[in-house]
Amino acid sequence: MAGKKTKFGYDVAVQRIEKCMRSNGLSLDLSDLKLTTVPPEVWQLTELTNLSLSGNQLTALPPEIGKLSMLTKFFVNGNQLKALPPEIGYLSALTGLYLSDNKLAILPREIGQLSALKVLNINGN
């Protein structure tokens, strides 16, 4: 049953991504879908300014996150992240990075490159 829920969530995510692609959307909400991986189609949405991956079961973010350099808000709270890839430093437009309630012990030094960052929420790690 859990496998079906995960598959269902992944299918919903792909549908939302396709809709976002068709409408040239700037915001994508993939929260609370029980995702264990981010569908690779997300990395094609290079114009995204707002991405929510909150409340999933992600343990890592791939280096491709660096392709989303237009992001201003990135919500990845409530997952199982243990580390962030150094490519997080490529998200130079970020004003809000929400990482609360993960399993992060350290942040990569590349976080310091995020000069536009106004909100960094790391509570509950």
N, C-alpha and C. Protein backbone atom coordinates (compact mmCIF):
# COMPACT_ATOMS: atom_id res chain seq x y z
N MET A 1 0.82 -1.20 0.00
CA MET A 1 0.00 0.00 0.00
C MET A 1 0.86 1.26 0.00
N ALA A 2 1.93 1.25 0.82
CA ALA A 2 2.80 2.43 0.88
C ALA A 2 3.43 2.68 -0.49
N GLY A 3 3.79 1.62 -1.19
CA GLY A 3 4.35 1.76 -2.53
C GLY A 3 3.37 2.42 -3.48
N LYS A 4 2.10 2.06 -3.38
CA LYS A 4 1.09 2.67 -4.23
C LYS A 4 0.93 4.15 -3.91
N LYS A 5 0.96 4.49 -2.62
CA LYS A 5 0.85 5.90 -2.24
C LYS A 5 2.02 6.70 -2.81
N THR A 6 3.22 6.13 -2.71
CA THR A 6 4.40 6.81 -3.23
C THR A 6 4.28 6.96 -4.74
N LYS A 7 3.88 5.92 -5.44
CA LYS A 7 3.71 5.97 -6.89
C LYS A 7 2.63 6.98 -7.25
N PHE A 8 1.54 7.00 -6.52
CA PHE A 8 0.47 7.96 -6.76
C PHE A 8 0.99 9.38 -6.59
N GLY A 9 1.74 9.62 -5.52
CA GLY A 9 2.31 10.94 -5.29
C GLY A 9 3.24 11.37 -6.40
N TYR A 10 4.05 10.44 -6.88
CA TYR A 10 4.98 10.74 -7.97
C TYR A 10 4.20 11.09 -9.23
N ASP A 11 3.14 10.34 -9.52
CA ASP A 11 2.32 10.61 -10.69
C ASP A 11 1.66 11.99 -10.59
N VAL A 12 1.18 12.34 -9.42
CA VAL A 12 0.58 13.67 -9.20
C VAL A 12 1.64 14.74 -9.44
N ALA A 13 2.85 14.49 -8.94
CA ALA A 13 3.94 15.45 -9.13
C ALA A 13 4.22 15.67 -10.61
N VAL A 14 4.30 14.59 -11.38
CA VAL A 14 4.58 14.71 -12.81
C VAL A 14 3.45 15.48 -13.50
N GLN A 15 2.21 15.24 -13.11
CA GLN A 15 1.08 15.99 -13.69
C GLN A 15 1.20 17.48 -13.38
N ARG A 16 1.57 17.82 -12.16
CA ARG A 16 1.73 19.23 -11.79
C ARG A 16 2.87 19.88 -12.54
N ILE A 17 3.95 19.14 -12.73
CA ILE A 17 5.10 19.66 -13.48
C ILE A 17 4.69 19.92 -14.93
N GLU A 18 3.99 18.97 -15.55
CA GLU A 18 3.56 19.14 -16.94
C GLU A 18 2.62 20.33 -17.08
N LYS A 19 1.73 20.52 -16.13
CA LYS A 19 0.82 21.67 -16.16
C LYS A 19 1.62 22.96 -16.05
N CYS A 20 2.60 22.97 -15.18
CA CYS A 20 3.46 24.15 -15.00
C CYS A 20 4.22 24.45 -16.29
N MET A 21 4.71 23.42 -16.97
CA MET A 21 5.42 23.60 -18.23
C MET A 21 4.51 24.20 -19.30
N ARG A 22 3.29 23.67 -19.40
CA ARG A 22 2.34 24.15 -20.42
C ARG A 22 1.94 25.60 -20.18
N SER A 23 1.83 25.99 -18.94
CA SER A 23 1.34 27.34 -18.63
C SER A 23 2.48 28.34 -18.38
N ASN A 24 3.73 27.89 -18.57
CA ASN A 24 4.88 28.73 -18.26
C ASN A 24 4.80 29.29 -16.84
N GLY A 25 4.34 28.44 -15.93
CA GLY A 25 4.18 28.85 -14.54
C GLY A 25 5.50 29.16 -13.86
N LEU A 26 5.41 30.02 -12.87
CA LEU A 26 6.60 30.41 -12.11
C LEU A 26 6.63 29.78 -10.73
N SER A 27 5.54 29.10 -10.38
CA SER A 27 5.43 28.51 -9.05
C SER A 27 5.01 27.05 -9.19
N LEU A 28 5.62 26.19 -8.38
CA LEU A 28 5.31 24.76 -8.42
C LEU A 28 5.23 24.23 -7.00
N ASP A 29 4.11 23.60 -6.69
CA ASP A 29 3.90 23.04 -5.35
C ASP A 29 3.86 21.52 -5.45
N LEU A 30 4.92 20.88 -4.95
CA LEU A 30 4.99 19.42 -4.90
C LEU A 30 5.04 18.96 -3.44
N SER A 31 4.42 19.71 -2.57
CA SER A 31 4.46 19.37 -1.15
C SER A 31 3.48 18.25 -0.81
N ASP A 32 3.83 17.52 0.25
CA ASP A 32 2.98 16.48 0.84
C ASP A 32 2.56 15.38 -0.14
N LEU A 33 3.47 14.98 -1.01
CA LEU A 33 3.19 13.91 -1.97
C LEU A 33 3.95 12.62 -1.65
N LYS A 34 4.63 12.58 -0.53
CA LYS A 34 5.41 11.41 -0.10
C LYS A 34 6.53 11.06 -1.10
N LEU A 35 7.05 12.07 -1.77
CA LEU A 35 8.13 11.84 -2.74
C LEU A 35 9.42 11.43 -2.03
N THR A 36 10.10 10.45 -2.59
CA THR A 36 11.42 10.07 -2.10
C THR A 36 12.51 10.60 -3.02
N THR A 37 12.13 10.99 -4.23
CA THR A 37 13.03 11.65 -5.17
C THR A 37 12.25 12.76 -5.88
N VAL A 38 12.98 13.73 -6.38
CA VAL A 38 12.37 14.81 -7.14
C VAL A 38 12.31 14.37 -8.60
N PRO A 39 11.13 14.43 -9.21
CA PRO A 39 11.05 14.05 -10.62
C PRO A 39 12.02 14.89 -11.45
N PRO A 40 12.80 14.26 -12.34
CA PRO A 40 13.83 14.99 -13.09
C PRO A 40 13.27 16.11 -13.97
N GLU A 41 12.01 16.06 -14.32
CA GLU A 41 11.41 17.10 -15.15
C GLU A 41 11.43 18.47 -14.47
N VAL A 42 11.53 18.47 -13.14
CA VAL A 42 11.58 19.75 -12.40
C VAL A 42 12.76 20.59 -12.86
N TRP A 43 13.88 19.95 -13.16
CA TRP A 43 15.10 20.69 -13.49
C TRP A 43 15.01 21.39 -14.84
N GLN A 44 13.97 21.09 -15.62
CA GLN A 44 13.74 21.78 -16.89
C GLN A 44 13.01 23.11 -16.69
N LEU A 45 12.46 23.32 -15.50
CA LEU A 45 11.67 24.53 -15.22
C LEU A 45 12.58 25.65 -14.72
N THR A 46 13.47 26.08 -15.58
CA THR A 46 14.52 27.03 -15.18
C THR A 46 13.99 28.44 -14.89
N GLU A 47 12.74 28.71 -15.20
CA GLU A 47 12.16 30.03 -14.92
C GLU A 47 11.41 30.06 -13.57
N LEU A 48 11.34 28.93 -12.89
CA LEU A 48 10.62 28.89 -11.61
C LEU A 48 11.16 29.92 -10.63
N THR A 49 10.25 30.59 -9.93
CA THR A 49 10.68 31.49 -8.86
C THR A 49 10.28 30.97 -7.49
N ASN A 50 9.33 30.03 -7.45
CA ASN A 50 8.85 29.50 -6.17
C ASN A 50 8.68 27.99 -6.31
N LEU A 51 9.36 27.24 -5.45
CA LEU A 51 9.27 25.77 -5.47
C LEU A 51 9.06 25.26 -4.07
N SER A 52 8.03 24.45 -3.89
CA SER A 52 7.78 23.82 -2.60
C SER A 52 7.89 22.30 -2.74
N LEU A 53 8.82 21.74 -1.97
CA LEU A 53 8.99 20.29 -1.86
C LEU A 53 8.73 19.87 -0.41
N SER A 54 8.04 20.69 0.34
CA SER A 54 7.81 20.46 1.77
C SER A 54 7.01 19.20 2.03
N GLY A 55 7.25 18.60 3.20
CA GLY A 55 6.44 17.50 3.67
C GLY A 55 6.54 16.23 2.86
N ASN A 56 7.68 16.01 2.23
CA ASN A 56 7.90 14.77 1.50
C ASN A 56 8.84 13.88 2.30
N GLN A 57 9.49 12.94 1.64
CA GLN A 57 10.42 12.02 2.30
C GLN A 57 11.78 12.06 1.61
N LEU A 58 12.17 13.24 1.18
CA LEU A 58 13.44 13.40 0.49
C LEU A 58 14.60 13.28 1.46
N THR A 59 15.61 12.51 1.09
CA THR A 59 16.81 12.38 1.92
C THR A 59 17.97 13.18 1.33
N ALA A 60 17.84 13.59 0.07
CA ALA A 60 18.89 14.36 -0.60
C ALA A 60 18.29 15.16 -1.74
N LEU A 61 18.98 16.23 -2.10
CA LEU A 61 18.66 17.00 -3.29
C LEU A 61 19.78 16.77 -4.30
N PRO A 62 19.43 16.56 -5.57
CA PRO A 62 20.48 16.32 -6.56
C PRO A 62 21.20 17.62 -6.93
N PRO A 63 22.38 17.52 -7.51
CA PRO A 63 23.11 18.71 -7.94
C PRO A 63 22.33 19.57 -8.94
N GLU A 64 21.39 18.97 -9.64
CA GLU A 64 20.59 19.70 -10.63
C GLU A 64 19.81 20.86 -10.02
N ILE A 65 19.69 20.89 -8.70
CA ILE A 65 19.01 22.01 -8.05
C ILE A 65 19.63 23.33 -8.49
N GLY A 66 20.90 23.32 -8.80
CA GLY A 66 21.60 24.52 -9.24
C GLY A 66 21.09 25.10 -10.54
N LYS A 67 20.33 24.33 -11.31
CA LYS A 67 19.77 24.82 -12.58
C LYS A 67 18.63 25.81 -12.36
N LEU A 68 18.07 25.83 -11.16
CA LEU A 68 16.91 26.68 -10.88
C LEU A 68 17.34 28.03 -10.31
N SER A 69 18.20 28.69 -11.04
CA SER A 69 18.83 29.92 -10.54
C SER A 69 17.88 31.10 -10.40
N MET A 70 16.65 30.99 -10.90
CA MET A 70 15.67 32.07 -10.78
C MET A 70 14.84 31.96 -9.49
N LEU A 71 14.99 30.85 -8.76
CA LEU A 71 14.20 30.68 -7.54
C LEU A 71 14.42 31.82 -6.57
N THR A 72 13.32 32.34 -6.03
CA THR A 72 13.41 33.32 -4.96
C THR A 72 12.98 32.71 -3.64
N LYS A 73 12.07 31.72 -3.70
CA LYS A 73 11.63 31.03 -2.49
C LYS A 73 11.69 29.53 -2.74
N PHE A 74 12.33 28.84 -1.79
CA PHE A 74 12.50 27.39 -1.89
C PHE A 74 12.13 26.78 -0.54
N PHE A 75 11.04 26.01 -0.55
CA PHE A 75 10.53 25.35 0.64
C PHE A 75 10.86 23.87 0.55
N VAL A 76 11.68 23.40 1.47
CA VAL A 76 12.04 21.98 1.49
C VAL A 76 11.98 21.47 2.93
N ASN A 77 11.18 22.17 3.74
CA ASN A 77 11.02 21.80 5.14
C ASN A 77 10.20 20.52 5.27
N GLY A 78 10.40 19.84 6.40
CA GLY A 78 9.63 18.63 6.68
C GLY A 78 10.00 17.44 5.82
N ASN A 79 11.27 17.29 5.51
CA ASN A 79 11.76 16.13 4.77
C ASN A 79 12.74 15.37 5.66
N GLN A 80 13.63 14.62 5.05
CA GLN A 80 14.64 13.84 5.78
C GLN A 80 16.04 14.20 5.30
N LEU A 81 16.22 15.44 4.83
CA LEU A 81 17.51 15.84 4.26
C LEU A 81 18.62 15.77 5.30
N LYS A 82 19.73 15.15 4.92
CA LYS A 82 20.89 15.04 5.79
C LYS A 82 21.98 16.02 5.37
N ALA A 83 21.93 16.46 4.11
CA ALA A 83 22.93 17.39 3.59
C ALA A 83 22.33 18.13 2.40
N LEU A 84 22.97 19.23 2.04
CA LEU A 84 22.59 19.98 0.85
C LEU A 84 23.76 19.93 -0.13
N PRO A 85 23.47 19.85 -1.43
CA PRO A 85 24.57 19.83 -2.39
C PRO A 85 25.21 21.22 -2.49
N PRO A 86 26.48 21.30 -2.82
CA PRO A 86 27.13 22.60 -2.96
C PRO A 86 26.47 23.48 -4.02
N GLU A 87 25.77 22.87 -4.98
CA GLU A 87 25.10 23.62 -6.05
C GLU A 87 24.00 24.53 -5.52
N ILE A 88 23.63 24.37 -4.25
CA ILE A 88 22.66 25.28 -3.64
C ILE A 88 23.17 26.73 -3.75
N GLY A 89 24.47 26.88 -3.81
CA GLY A 89 25.08 28.21 -3.93
C GLY A 89 24.78 28.90 -5.26
N TYR A 90 24.31 28.16 -6.27
CA TYR A 90 23.96 28.75 -7.57
C TYR A 90 22.61 29.46 -7.54
N LEU A 91 21.87 29.30 -6.45
CA LEU A 91 20.53 29.90 -6.37
C LEU A 91 20.63 31.34 -5.86
N SER A 92 21.32 32.15 -6.61
CA SER A 92 21.68 33.50 -6.16
C SER A 92 20.50 34.45 -6.02
N ALA A 93 19.34 34.13 -6.58
CA ALA A 93 18.17 34.99 -6.45
C ALA A 93 17.35 34.67 -5.20
N LEU A 94 17.71 33.61 -4.46
CA LEU A 94 16.92 33.19 -3.29
C LEU A 94 16.84 34.30 -2.25
N THR A 95 15.60 34.58 -1.85
CA THR A 95 15.37 35.48 -0.72
C THR A 95 14.88 34.69 0.49
N GLY A 96 14.31 33.51 0.27
CA GLY A 96 13.83 32.66 1.35
C GLY A 96 14.17 31.21 1.13
N LEU A 97 14.85 30.61 2.12
CA LEU A 97 15.22 29.20 2.07
C LEU A 97 14.72 28.55 3.35
N TYR A 98 13.78 27.63 3.21
CA TYR A 98 13.08 27.04 4.35
C TYR A 98 13.48 25.57 4.48
N LEU A 99 14.31 25.29 5.47
CA LEU A 99 14.91 23.97 5.66
C LEU A 99 14.53 23.34 7.00
N SER A 100 13.55 23.88 7.69
CA SER A 100 13.22 23.37 9.02
C SER A 100 12.75 21.92 8.98
N ASP A 101 12.91 21.26 10.11
CA ASP A 101 12.42 19.89 10.31
C ASP A 101 12.99 18.89 9.30
N ASN A 102 14.30 18.92 9.16
CA ASN A 102 15.04 17.93 8.38
C ASN A 102 16.04 17.27 9.33
N LYS A 103 17.09 16.71 8.78
CA LYS A 103 18.12 16.05 9.60
C LYS A 103 19.50 16.64 9.28
N LEU A 104 19.51 17.93 8.99
CA LEU A 104 20.77 18.60 8.64
C LEU A 104 21.62 18.83 9.87
N ALA A 105 22.88 18.44 9.79
CA ALA A 105 23.83 18.68 10.88
C ALA A 105 24.73 19.88 10.55
N ILE A 106 25.01 20.05 9.26
CA ILE A 106 25.83 21.18 8.81
C ILE A 106 25.24 21.72 7.50
N LEU A 107 25.58 22.95 7.21
CA LEU A 107 25.19 23.56 5.94
C LEU A 107 26.46 23.73 5.09
N PRO A 108 26.34 23.57 3.79
CA PRO A 108 27.52 23.76 2.95
C PRO A 108 27.97 25.22 2.97
N ARG A 109 29.24 25.46 2.82
CA ARG A 109 29.75 26.84 2.85
C ARG A 109 29.16 27.66 1.72
N GLU A 110 28.68 27.02 0.66
CA GLU A 110 28.10 27.73 -0.48
C GLU A 110 26.84 28.52 -0.11
N ILE A 111 26.24 28.20 1.04
CA ILE A 111 25.09 28.99 1.53
C ILE A 111 25.52 30.46 1.64
N GLY A 112 26.77 30.70 1.95
CA GLY A 112 27.28 32.06 2.07
C GLY A 112 27.27 32.85 0.77
N GLN A 113 27.12 32.17 -0.36
CA GLN A 113 27.05 32.85 -1.66
C GLN A 113 25.68 33.42 -1.95
N LEU A 114 24.70 33.09 -1.12
CA LEU A 114 23.32 33.52 -1.35
C LEU A 114 23.12 34.93 -0.80
N SER A 115 23.64 35.91 -1.52
CA SER A 115 23.67 37.29 -1.02
C SER A 115 22.30 37.96 -0.95
N ALA A 116 21.30 37.45 -1.67
CA ALA A 116 19.96 38.03 -1.62
C ALA A 116 19.11 37.44 -0.49
N LEU A 117 19.63 36.41 0.18
CA LEU A 117 18.88 35.69 1.19
C LEU A 117 18.48 36.58 2.37
N LYS A 118 17.18 36.62 2.64
CA LYS A 118 16.66 37.39 3.77
C LYS A 118 16.13 36.48 4.87
N VAL A 119 15.63 35.29 4.49
CA VAL A 119 15.08 34.33 5.44
C VAL A 119 15.76 32.97 5.25
N LEU A 120 16.35 32.49 6.33
CA LEU A 120 16.93 31.14 6.35
C LEU A 120 16.36 30.44 7.57
N ASN A 121 15.44 29.50 7.36
CA ASN A 121 14.81 28.81 8.47
C ASN A 121 15.42 27.41 8.57
N ILE A 122 16.14 27.16 9.66
CA ILE A 122 16.78 25.86 9.87
C ILE A 122 16.35 25.24 11.20
N ASN A 123 15.24 25.68 11.75
CA ASN A 123 14.74 25.12 13.01
C ASN A 123 14.49 23.63 12.88
N GLY A 124 14.66 22.91 13.97
CA GLY A 124 14.29 21.50 14.01
C GLY A 124 15.20 20.57 13.24
N ASN A 125 16.47 20.91 13.14
CA ASN A 125 17.45 20.03 12.51
C ASN A 125 18.40 19.51 13.57
